Protein backbone atom coordinates (compact mmCIF):
# COMPACT_ATOMS: atom_id res chain seq x y z
CA MET A 1 -6.69 -104.03 45.96
CA THR A 2 -4.65 -106.52 48.02
CA MET A 3 -1.09 -105.96 49.20
CA ALA A 4 0.04 -108.54 46.61
CA ASP A 5 -1.58 -106.46 43.86
CA ARG A 6 0.16 -103.32 45.10
CA LYS A 7 3.56 -105.04 44.96
CA ARG A 8 2.97 -106.34 41.43
CA ALA A 9 4.42 -104.26 38.59
CA ALA A 10 1.86 -102.08 36.86
CA ARG A 11 0.77 -102.94 33.34
CA VAL A 12 -1.86 -101.87 30.79
CA THR A 13 -2.95 -104.14 27.94
CA VAL A 14 -5.35 -103.04 25.21
CA GLU A 15 -6.34 -105.93 22.94
CA ASN A 16 -8.11 -105.24 19.64
CA VAL A 17 -10.34 -102.56 21.19
CA SER A 18 -13.01 -100.79 19.15
CA LEU A 19 -15.29 -98.09 20.52
CA ARG A 20 -18.49 -96.90 18.87
CA PHE A 21 -20.95 -94.13 19.73
CA PRO A 22 -24.52 -94.43 18.37
CA LEU A 23 -26.05 -91.42 16.62
CA TYR A 24 -29.57 -91.56 17.97
CA HIS A 25 -30.67 -88.46 16.09
CA ALA A 26 -29.27 -88.99 12.61
CA GLY A 27 -31.55 -86.40 11.06
CA ALA A 28 -31.07 -82.78 10.06
CA ARG A 29 -29.55 -81.75 13.41
CA SER A 30 -26.85 -84.40 13.02
CA LEU A 31 -26.17 -83.76 9.34
CA LYS A 32 -22.87 -82.04 10.10
CA LYS A 33 -21.69 -84.93 12.30
CA LEU A 34 -22.75 -87.49 9.74
CA ALA A 35 -20.93 -85.68 6.94
CA LEU A 36 -17.75 -85.44 9.01
CA ALA A 37 -17.88 -89.09 10.06
CA ALA A 38 -18.52 -90.22 6.49
CA ALA A 39 -15.69 -88.08 5.14
CA THR A 40 -13.25 -89.64 7.61
CA ARG A 41 -14.62 -93.16 7.03
CA ARG A 42 -15.68 -93.44 10.68
CA LEU A 43 -19.36 -94.01 10.01
CA GLY A 44 -20.80 -97.49 10.44
CA ARG A 45 -23.64 -99.55 11.85
CA ASP A 46 -23.74 -101.73 14.92
CA SER A 47 -25.42 -105.10 15.37
CA GLY A 48 -28.74 -103.30 15.96
CA SER A 49 -28.42 -101.42 12.65
CA ARG A 50 -27.96 -98.09 14.44
CA VAL A 51 -25.76 -95.50 12.79
CA VAL A 52 -22.53 -95.22 14.80
CA VAL A 53 -19.34 -93.18 14.78
CA GLU A 54 -16.28 -95.38 15.28
CA ALA A 55 -14.13 -93.57 17.86
CA LEU A 56 -11.52 -96.35 18.10
CA LYS A 57 -10.79 -99.11 15.60
CA GLU A 58 -9.01 -102.30 16.61
CA ILE A 59 -6.47 -100.69 18.96
CA SER A 60 -3.84 -103.04 20.42
CA ILE A 61 -1.06 -101.73 22.67
CA GLY A 62 0.84 -102.94 25.71
CA ILE A 63 2.30 -100.59 28.32
CA ALA A 64 4.82 -101.83 30.88
CA SER A 65 5.93 -100.44 34.22
CA GLY A 66 8.35 -97.53 33.78
CA GLU A 67 6.87 -96.29 30.51
CA ARG A 68 5.71 -92.72 29.92
CA ILE A 69 3.32 -92.71 26.96
CA GLY A 70 2.35 -89.64 24.97
CA LEU A 71 -0.84 -89.90 22.89
CA ILE A 72 -0.76 -87.42 20.03
CA GLY A 73 -2.94 -86.69 17.00
CA GLY A 74 -5.36 -84.10 15.69
CA ASN A 75 -8.70 -83.20 17.24
CA GLY A 76 -11.00 -86.21 17.08
CA ALA A 77 -8.13 -88.67 16.57
CA GLY A 78 -9.29 -90.81 19.53
CA LYS A 79 -6.84 -89.75 22.26
CA THR A 80 -9.39 -88.98 24.99
CA SER A 81 -11.57 -91.91 23.93
CA LEU A 82 -8.60 -94.25 24.43
CA LEU A 83 -7.89 -92.78 27.86
CA ARG A 84 -11.50 -93.25 28.88
CA ALA A 85 -11.53 -96.82 27.58
CA ILE A 86 -8.40 -97.65 29.61
CA ALA A 87 -9.97 -95.99 32.67
CA GLY A 88 -13.13 -98.07 32.32
CA ILE A 89 -15.32 -95.01 31.71
CA TYR A 90 -16.19 -96.25 28.22
CA GLU A 91 -16.95 -99.92 27.57
CA PRO A 92 -15.43 -101.18 24.30
CA ALA A 93 -17.77 -102.46 21.60
CA SER A 94 -15.21 -105.21 21.07
CA GLY A 95 -11.85 -106.17 22.48
CA VAL A 96 -10.51 -106.15 26.04
CA VAL A 97 -8.71 -103.65 28.29
CA LYS A 98 -6.69 -105.06 31.18
CA THR A 99 -4.96 -103.01 33.88
CA CYS A 100 -2.77 -104.21 36.73
CA GLY A 101 -2.16 -101.63 39.45
CA SER A 102 -3.96 -98.77 41.15
CA LEU A 103 -5.22 -96.16 38.67
CA ASN A 104 -6.04 -92.47 38.73
CA VAL A 105 -7.59 -90.40 35.94
CA LEU A 106 -7.01 -86.65 35.55
CA LEU A 107 -9.54 -85.46 32.99
CA ASP A 108 -11.38 -82.68 34.80
CA PRO A 109 -10.55 -80.96 38.12
CA ASN A 110 -14.10 -81.53 39.36
CA LEU A 111 -14.51 -85.10 38.13
CA GLY A 112 -16.34 -87.23 40.70
CA MET A 113 -17.13 -84.38 43.10
CA ASN A 114 -20.62 -83.88 44.55
CA PRO A 115 -21.69 -80.20 44.59
CA ASP A 116 -24.20 -80.78 47.37
CA LEU A 117 -21.55 -82.04 49.79
CA THR A 118 -18.98 -79.95 51.61
CA GLY A 119 -15.36 -79.89 50.54
CA ARG A 120 -14.42 -81.98 53.56
CA GLU A 121 -17.11 -84.55 52.82
CA ASN A 122 -15.88 -84.85 49.23
CA ILE A 123 -12.37 -85.50 50.52
CA PHE A 124 -13.67 -88.17 52.88
CA LEU A 125 -15.66 -89.93 50.12
CA ARG A 126 -12.68 -89.91 47.75
CA GLY A 127 -10.56 -91.50 50.43
CA LEU A 128 -13.16 -94.18 51.08
CA TYR A 129 -13.35 -94.92 47.35
CA HIS A 130 -9.60 -95.57 47.37
CA GLY A 131 -9.92 -97.81 50.42
CA LEU A 132 -7.91 -95.62 52.78
CA SER A 133 -7.70 -96.40 56.49
CA ARG A 134 -8.83 -93.88 59.11
CA PRO A 135 -5.28 -92.56 59.70
CA ALA A 136 -4.73 -92.30 55.93
CA LEU A 137 -8.05 -90.45 55.56
CA ARG A 138 -6.89 -87.92 58.15
CA ARG A 139 -3.59 -87.44 56.32
CA LEU A 140 -5.48 -86.98 53.04
CA GLU A 141 -7.77 -84.40 54.61
CA ASP A 142 -4.84 -82.47 56.08
CA ASP A 143 -2.91 -82.55 52.80
CA VAL A 144 -5.81 -81.35 50.64
CA ALA A 145 -6.88 -78.68 53.14
CA SER A 146 -3.34 -77.32 53.36
CA PHE A 147 -2.78 -77.29 49.61
CA ALA A 148 -6.18 -75.88 48.57
CA GLU A 149 -6.11 -73.13 51.25
CA LEU A 150 -9.89 -72.86 51.49
CA ALA A 151 -10.03 -72.28 55.26
CA GLU A 152 -13.64 -72.26 56.57
CA PHE A 153 -15.03 -72.83 53.05
CA LEU A 154 -13.92 -76.46 53.34
CA ASP A 155 -16.99 -77.04 55.53
CA LEU A 156 -19.44 -75.44 53.09
CA PRO A 157 -21.18 -77.07 50.09
CA LEU A 158 -19.28 -77.04 46.81
CA ARG A 159 -22.25 -75.46 45.02
CA ILE A 160 -21.50 -72.11 46.67
CA TYR A 161 -17.79 -72.17 45.74
CA SER A 162 -16.42 -69.78 43.16
CA ALA A 163 -14.90 -71.33 40.02
CA GLY A 164 -11.41 -70.70 41.38
CA MET A 165 -12.18 -72.36 44.72
CA SER A 166 -13.64 -75.41 42.98
CA VAL A 167 -10.51 -75.75 40.85
CA ARG A 168 -8.25 -75.50 43.91
CA LEU A 169 -10.11 -78.24 45.76
CA GLY A 170 -10.51 -80.44 42.67
CA PHE A 171 -6.85 -80.22 41.74
CA ALA A 172 -5.64 -80.79 45.31
CA LEU A 173 -7.86 -83.84 45.69
CA ALA A 174 -7.10 -85.29 42.23
CA THR A 175 -3.36 -85.13 42.85
CA ALA A 176 -3.32 -86.14 46.52
CA ILE A 177 -3.32 -89.94 46.10
CA GLN A 178 -0.33 -91.54 44.37
CA PRO A 179 -1.45 -94.24 41.91
CA GLN A 180 0.63 -96.78 40.01
CA ILE A 181 -1.02 -95.81 36.71
CA LEU A 182 -1.84 -92.20 35.86
CA LEU A 183 -4.05 -91.27 32.88
CA MET A 184 -4.07 -87.59 32.03
CA ASP A 185 -5.78 -85.49 29.33
CA GLU A 186 -3.45 -82.58 28.58
CA TRP A 187 -0.98 -81.24 31.16
CA PHE A 188 -3.43 -81.04 34.04
CA LEU A 189 -2.94 -77.50 35.37
CA ALA A 190 -5.58 -74.98 36.33
CA GLY A 191 -6.20 -72.10 38.67
CA ASP A 192 -5.16 -68.50 39.14
CA ALA A 193 -1.60 -67.26 38.66
CA ALA A 194 -0.75 -67.51 42.35
CA PHE A 195 -1.89 -71.14 42.46
CA LEU A 196 -0.21 -72.33 39.23
CA GLU A 197 3.38 -72.44 40.45
CA LYS A 198 2.78 -74.77 43.37
CA ALA A 199 0.28 -76.76 41.30
CA HIS A 200 2.98 -77.33 38.68
CA THR A 201 5.40 -78.63 41.31
CA ARG A 202 2.76 -80.92 42.82
CA LEU A 203 1.83 -82.34 39.42
CA GLU A 204 5.45 -83.04 38.49
CA ASP A 205 5.99 -84.82 41.81
CA LEU A 206 2.92 -86.97 41.12
CA VAL A 207 4.08 -87.85 37.60
CA ARG A 208 7.58 -88.78 38.78
CA GLY A 209 6.13 -91.17 41.35
CA VAL A 210 3.87 -93.24 39.08
CA GLU A 211 4.91 -96.45 37.36
CA ILE A 212 2.96 -95.72 34.17
CA LEU A 213 1.92 -92.38 32.66
CA VAL A 214 -0.44 -92.13 29.68
CA LEU A 215 -0.79 -88.50 28.59
CA ALA A 216 -2.99 -87.22 25.76
CA THR A 217 -1.67 -83.83 24.66
CA HIS A 218 -1.03 -81.34 21.86
CA GLN A 219 1.97 -79.85 23.67
CA GLU A 220 5.19 -80.94 21.96
CA PRO A 221 7.53 -79.63 24.74
CA VAL A 222 5.62 -81.67 27.35
CA VAL A 223 5.89 -84.82 25.21
CA ARG A 224 9.63 -84.36 24.67
CA LYS A 225 10.28 -83.71 28.37
CA TRP A 226 8.16 -86.42 29.97
CA CYS A 227 7.46 -89.21 27.47
CA THR A 228 9.63 -92.24 26.69
CA ARG A 229 7.30 -93.47 23.95
CA VAL A 230 4.73 -91.78 21.71
CA ILE A 231 1.65 -93.22 20.02
CA LEU A 232 0.18 -91.34 17.07
CA LEU A 233 -3.57 -91.78 16.62
CA ASP A 234 -5.47 -90.85 13.48
CA GLN A 235 -9.15 -91.55 12.78
CA GLY A 236 -9.29 -93.91 15.75
CA ARG A 237 -6.32 -96.05 14.68
CA VAL A 238 -2.69 -96.32 15.73
CA ARG A 239 -0.60 -94.87 12.90
CA ALA A 240 2.80 -94.86 14.63
CA ASP A 241 4.27 -96.11 17.91
CA GLY A 242 7.86 -95.52 18.95
CA PRO A 243 10.49 -93.10 20.30
CA PRO A 244 9.23 -89.51 20.78
CA GLY A 245 11.50 -87.92 18.18
CA ASP A 246 10.59 -90.39 15.42
CA VAL A 247 6.82 -90.28 15.99
CA LEU A 248 6.70 -86.50 16.44
CA ASP A 249 8.58 -86.07 13.14
CA GLU A 250 6.07 -88.33 11.40
CA TYR A 251 3.15 -86.43 12.95
CA PHE A 252 4.41 -83.04 11.81
CA LEU A 253 5.16 -84.45 8.36
CA ARG A 254 1.55 -85.69 8.12
CA SER A 255 0.26 -82.31 9.32
CA ARG A 256 1.91 -80.29 6.56
């Protein structure tokens, strides 16, 4: 990303996006999935006549700098699928996703980490991916090492880490680089009790610093505290889009 890009206001544009997942084994083992998809009218066929589940259907939204978006809806509504489409992890079957600004995705504490490399090597590679200079790489290494508190384990392969150690490193690394656009699935906190308090502070500092937040969550208090706008998804479609209070009221009314 050039310096001109970094100075430009962040923006996300989703234009008529549909996302479909083929069911390659549509036999007895997939009977339950087929029945569910058919019942929710999310079953279809693609151009190759394969049976597909339609995860997103003709989604169009625009998100401007300064907005804090909450994605809400029941399980399977399409919240995580939309996040992954915006992140470029999933390629839409139709439609276009455009993003302007640096982007970070918090879906899994260990996303993008190589278990065969040491913690320090994983930090270095993440920094290179983000195009950091040598001095910035050193600052990143110092920041993550200090926050994760792994001491000599930082120079050992991730595959020998305990679950708690992996979470510490993953969280520290995922929240170390300030993006313009932050995509997050649920309120991204993990770790043991002693780690949670400082993790919560670090996460809130990260969220305050971004230009755009898109958060998929079931947690009403988090939505009311952090979001300026809420989008209700249902069966892969946008059912409501507006102020948090109005959309949350509609969601709970639908859920009764």
